[in-house]
Amino acid sequence: MALTITSECINCDVCEPECPNQAISMGETIYVIDPAKCTECVGHFDEPQCVQVCPVECIPVNPDHVETPAQLMAKYLKLQVRAA
């Protein structure tokens, strides 16, 4: 499951640098998460780092991108191959 950032985002800038996959970027009005790059930190950390640092708790699971832990790991591995 990729994560998403809701309209409660206050653009505090703390989530973007925490993402190990560079899945977070500034959108038109708030930060956005690219579901093709978001692995919920699977392969990097035990917990999603953006969720850990978000002061307003506006980063829930994206219901439009439901993935199993195995799918998230496969995405992580594919992203690592591209980065190499």
N, C-alpha and C. Protein backbone atom coordinates (compact mmCIF):
# COMPACT_ATOMS: atom_id res chain seq x y z
N MET A 1 0.84 -1.17 0.00
CA MET A 1 0.00 0.00 0.00
C MET A 1 0.89 1.24 0.00
N ALA A 2 0.74 2.02 -0.98
CA ALA A 2 1.44 3.29 -0.97
C ALA A 2 0.72 4.21 0.01
N LEU A 3 1.43 5.19 0.47
CA LEU A 3 0.84 6.18 1.37
C LEU A 3 0.38 7.37 0.55
N THR A 4 -0.40 8.23 1.17
CA THR A 4 -0.86 9.45 0.52
C THR A 4 -0.80 10.58 1.53
N ILE A 5 -0.75 11.79 1.05
CA ILE A 5 -0.75 12.96 1.93
C ILE A 5 -2.09 13.67 1.74
N THR A 6 -2.78 13.92 2.83
CA THR A 6 -4.11 14.53 2.76
C THR A 6 -4.03 16.05 2.76
N SER A 7 -5.16 16.66 2.56
CA SER A 7 -5.23 18.13 2.51
C SER A 7 -4.91 18.80 3.85
N GLU A 8 -4.78 18.02 4.91
CA GLU A 8 -4.38 18.58 6.21
C GLU A 8 -2.90 18.94 6.24
N CYS A 9 -2.16 18.60 5.20
CA CYS A 9 -0.73 18.89 5.12
C CYS A 9 -0.49 20.38 5.33
N ILE A 10 0.50 20.70 6.18
CA ILE A 10 0.82 22.11 6.46
C ILE A 10 2.12 22.54 5.77
N ASN A 11 2.61 21.72 4.84
CA ASN A 11 3.83 22.03 4.10
C ASN A 11 5.00 22.35 5.02
N CYS A 12 5.18 21.55 6.03
CA CYS A 12 6.25 21.80 7.00
C CYS A 12 7.62 21.33 6.50
N ASP A 13 7.65 20.60 5.40
CA ASP A 13 8.89 20.17 4.75
C ASP A 13 9.65 19.06 5.46
N VAL A 14 9.10 18.43 6.48
CA VAL A 14 9.88 17.40 7.18
C VAL A 14 9.79 16.02 6.54
N CYS A 15 8.73 15.74 5.79
CA CYS A 15 8.56 14.40 5.22
C CYS A 15 9.46 14.13 4.02
N GLU A 16 9.61 15.12 3.15
CA GLU A 16 10.34 14.91 1.89
C GLU A 16 11.75 14.35 2.09
N PRO A 17 12.58 14.95 2.93
CA PRO A 17 13.94 14.41 3.07
C PRO A 17 14.01 13.06 3.78
N GLU A 18 12.94 12.65 4.44
CA GLU A 18 12.94 11.37 5.16
C GLU A 18 12.68 10.17 4.25
N CYS A 19 12.15 10.41 3.05
CA CYS A 19 11.77 9.31 2.16
C CYS A 19 13.00 8.71 1.48
N PRO A 20 13.30 7.44 1.74
CA PRO A 20 14.48 6.83 1.14
C PRO A 20 14.32 6.55 -0.36
N ASN A 21 13.10 6.60 -0.86
CA ASN A 21 12.85 6.32 -2.28
C ASN A 21 12.59 7.58 -3.10
N GLN A 22 12.71 8.74 -2.49
CA GLN A 22 12.41 10.01 -3.16
C GLN A 22 11.01 10.00 -3.78
N ALA A 23 10.06 9.42 -3.04
CA ALA A 23 8.67 9.34 -3.52
C ALA A 23 7.87 10.58 -3.18
N ILE A 24 8.38 11.44 -2.32
CA ILE A 24 7.64 12.63 -1.88
C ILE A 24 8.20 13.87 -2.57
N SER A 25 7.27 14.66 -3.11
CA SER A 25 7.67 15.92 -3.75
C SER A 25 6.58 16.95 -3.53
N MET A 26 6.92 18.19 -3.80
CA MET A 26 5.94 19.26 -3.65
C MET A 26 4.97 19.22 -4.82
N GLY A 27 3.68 19.18 -4.52
CA GLY A 27 2.65 19.23 -5.55
C GLY A 27 2.25 20.67 -5.78
N GLU A 28 1.07 20.87 -6.35
CA GLU A 28 0.61 22.23 -6.62
C GLU A 28 0.39 23.03 -5.34
N THR A 29 -0.18 22.38 -4.31
CA THR A 29 -0.46 23.11 -3.07
C THR A 29 0.08 22.42 -1.83
N ILE A 30 0.23 21.10 -1.88
CA ILE A 30 0.76 20.34 -0.75
C ILE A 30 1.73 19.29 -1.29
N TYR A 31 2.43 18.64 -0.39
CA TYR A 31 3.31 17.55 -0.79
C TYR A 31 2.48 16.37 -1.30
N VAL A 32 3.07 15.60 -2.20
CA VAL A 32 2.41 14.43 -2.77
C VAL A 32 3.37 13.25 -2.72
N ILE A 33 2.80 12.05 -2.76
CA ILE A 33 3.59 10.83 -2.75
C ILE A 33 3.34 10.07 -4.05
N ASP A 34 4.41 9.73 -4.74
CA ASP A 34 4.32 8.94 -5.98
C ASP A 34 4.12 7.48 -5.59
N PRO A 35 2.93 6.91 -5.87
CA PRO A 35 2.68 5.53 -5.47
C PRO A 35 3.59 4.51 -6.15
N ALA A 36 4.17 4.88 -7.28
CA ALA A 36 5.09 3.96 -7.97
C ALA A 36 6.43 3.86 -7.24
N LYS A 37 6.74 4.84 -6.39
CA LYS A 37 8.00 4.83 -5.64
C LYS A 37 7.82 4.54 -4.16
N CYS A 38 6.61 4.65 -3.64
CA CYS A 38 6.39 4.47 -2.21
C CYS A 38 6.31 2.98 -1.85
N THR A 39 7.20 2.56 -0.97
CA THR A 39 7.18 1.18 -0.47
C THR A 39 6.83 1.14 1.01
N GLU A 40 6.34 2.27 1.54
CA GLU A 40 6.09 2.41 2.98
C GLU A 40 7.36 2.11 3.77
N CYS A 41 8.48 2.38 3.15
CA CYS A 41 9.82 2.17 3.71
C CYS A 41 10.20 0.70 3.85
N VAL A 42 9.40 -0.20 3.29
CA VAL A 42 9.77 -1.62 3.28
C VAL A 42 11.12 -1.73 2.57
N GLY A 43 12.02 -2.48 3.17
CA GLY A 43 13.36 -2.64 2.62
C GLY A 43 14.35 -1.65 3.22
N HIS A 44 13.85 -0.59 3.81
CA HIS A 44 14.71 0.42 4.42
C HIS A 44 14.54 0.48 5.93
N PHE A 45 13.29 0.60 6.37
CA PHE A 45 12.98 0.79 7.79
C PHE A 45 11.77 -0.06 8.18
N ASP A 46 11.57 -0.22 9.48
CA ASP A 46 10.42 -0.98 9.98
C ASP A 46 9.12 -0.20 9.90
N GLU A 47 9.22 1.12 9.90
CA GLU A 47 8.03 1.99 9.87
C GLU A 47 8.23 3.06 8.81
N PRO A 48 7.14 3.52 8.18
CA PRO A 48 7.27 4.62 7.23
C PRO A 48 7.82 5.87 7.92
N GLN A 49 8.94 6.37 7.43
CA GLN A 49 9.60 7.49 8.07
C GLN A 49 8.81 8.79 7.97
N CYS A 50 8.10 8.98 6.87
CA CYS A 50 7.31 10.21 6.73
C CYS A 50 6.20 10.26 7.77
N VAL A 51 5.60 9.12 8.05
CA VAL A 51 4.54 9.06 9.06
C VAL A 51 5.12 9.37 10.43
N GLN A 52 6.33 8.89 10.68
CA GLN A 52 6.97 9.11 11.98
C GLN A 52 7.24 10.58 12.26
N VAL A 53 7.58 11.35 11.23
CA VAL A 53 7.96 12.75 11.45
C VAL A 53 6.82 13.74 11.21
N CYS A 54 5.72 13.31 10.64
CA CYS A 54 4.62 14.23 10.32
C CYS A 54 3.97 14.78 11.59
N PRO A 55 3.99 16.10 11.78
CA PRO A 55 3.42 16.67 13.00
C PRO A 55 1.90 16.74 13.03
N VAL A 56 1.26 16.59 11.88
CA VAL A 56 -0.21 16.69 11.84
C VAL A 56 -0.89 15.38 11.46
N GLU A 57 -0.10 14.31 11.36
CA GLU A 57 -0.64 12.98 11.08
C GLU A 57 -1.56 12.97 9.86
N CYS A 58 -1.02 13.45 8.74
CA CYS A 58 -1.83 13.54 7.51
C CYS A 58 -1.36 12.58 6.43
N ILE A 59 -0.70 11.47 6.82
CA ILE A 59 -0.17 10.53 5.83
C ILE A 59 -0.73 9.12 6.09
N PRO A 60 -1.94 8.87 5.60
CA PRO A 60 -2.53 7.54 5.75
C PRO A 60 -2.19 6.64 4.55
N VAL A 61 -2.62 5.40 4.64
CA VAL A 61 -2.50 4.47 3.52
C VAL A 61 -3.41 4.95 2.40
N ASN A 62 -2.93 4.86 1.18
CA ASN A 62 -3.70 5.27 0.01
C ASN A 62 -4.61 4.11 -0.39
N PRO A 63 -5.93 4.25 -0.24
CA PRO A 63 -6.84 3.16 -0.56
C PRO A 63 -6.87 2.79 -2.04
N ASP A 64 -6.36 3.66 -2.89
CA ASP A 64 -6.32 3.38 -4.32
C ASP A 64 -5.10 2.56 -4.73
N HIS A 65 -4.18 2.33 -3.78
CA HIS A 65 -2.95 1.60 -4.09
C HIS A 65 -2.66 0.58 -2.99
N VAL A 66 -3.52 -0.40 -2.85
CA VAL A 66 -3.37 -1.43 -1.83
C VAL A 66 -2.37 -2.48 -2.32
N GLU A 67 -1.34 -2.73 -1.50
CA GLU A 67 -0.32 -3.71 -1.84
C GLU A 67 0.03 -4.53 -0.60
N THR A 68 0.38 -5.78 -0.82
CA THR A 68 0.79 -6.65 0.26
C THR A 68 2.24 -6.35 0.63
N PRO A 69 2.69 -6.80 1.78
CA PRO A 69 4.11 -6.63 2.12
C PRO A 69 5.03 -7.24 1.06
N ALA A 70 4.65 -8.36 0.47
CA ALA A 70 5.47 -8.98 -0.58
C ALA A 70 5.54 -8.09 -1.82
N GLN A 71 4.43 -7.47 -2.17
CA GLN A 71 4.42 -6.56 -3.31
C GLN A 71 5.27 -5.32 -3.04
N LEU A 72 5.21 -4.81 -1.81
CA LEU A 72 6.03 -3.67 -1.44
C LEU A 72 7.52 -4.02 -1.52
N MET A 73 7.88 -5.22 -1.09
CA MET A 73 9.28 -5.66 -1.15
C MET A 73 9.71 -5.81 -2.61
N ALA A 74 8.85 -6.34 -3.45
CA ALA A 74 9.18 -6.47 -4.87
C ALA A 74 9.38 -5.10 -5.50
N LYS A 75 8.55 -4.13 -5.13
CA LYS A 75 8.71 -2.77 -5.64
C LYS A 75 10.04 -2.18 -5.16
N TYR A 76 10.35 -2.39 -3.89
CA TYR A 76 11.62 -1.92 -3.33
C TYR A 76 12.80 -2.50 -4.12
N LEU A 77 12.77 -3.80 -4.38
CA LEU A 77 13.86 -4.44 -5.12
C LEU A 77 13.98 -3.89 -6.53
N LYS A 78 12.87 -3.64 -7.19
CA LYS A 78 12.88 -3.07 -8.54
C LYS A 78 13.46 -1.65 -8.51
N LEU A 79 13.09 -0.87 -7.51
CA LEU A 79 13.63 0.48 -7.39
C LEU A 79 15.13 0.46 -7.14
N GLN A 80 15.63 -0.52 -6.39
CA GLN A 80 17.05 -0.62 -6.12
C GLN A 80 17.84 -0.95 -7.38
N VAL A 81 17.29 -1.79 -8.23
CA VAL A 81 17.94 -2.14 -9.49
C VAL A 81 18.05 -0.91 -10.38
N ARG A 82 16.98 -0.10 -10.42
CA ARG A 82 17.00 1.12 -11.23
C ARG A 82 18.01 2.13 -10.71
N ALA A 83 18.19 2.16 -9.39
CA ALA A 83 19.10 3.13 -8.78
C ALA A 83 20.57 2.74 -8.98
N ALA A 84 20.81 1.48 -9.24
CA ALA A 84 22.20 1.00 -9.36
C ALA A 84 22.83 1.34 -10.70
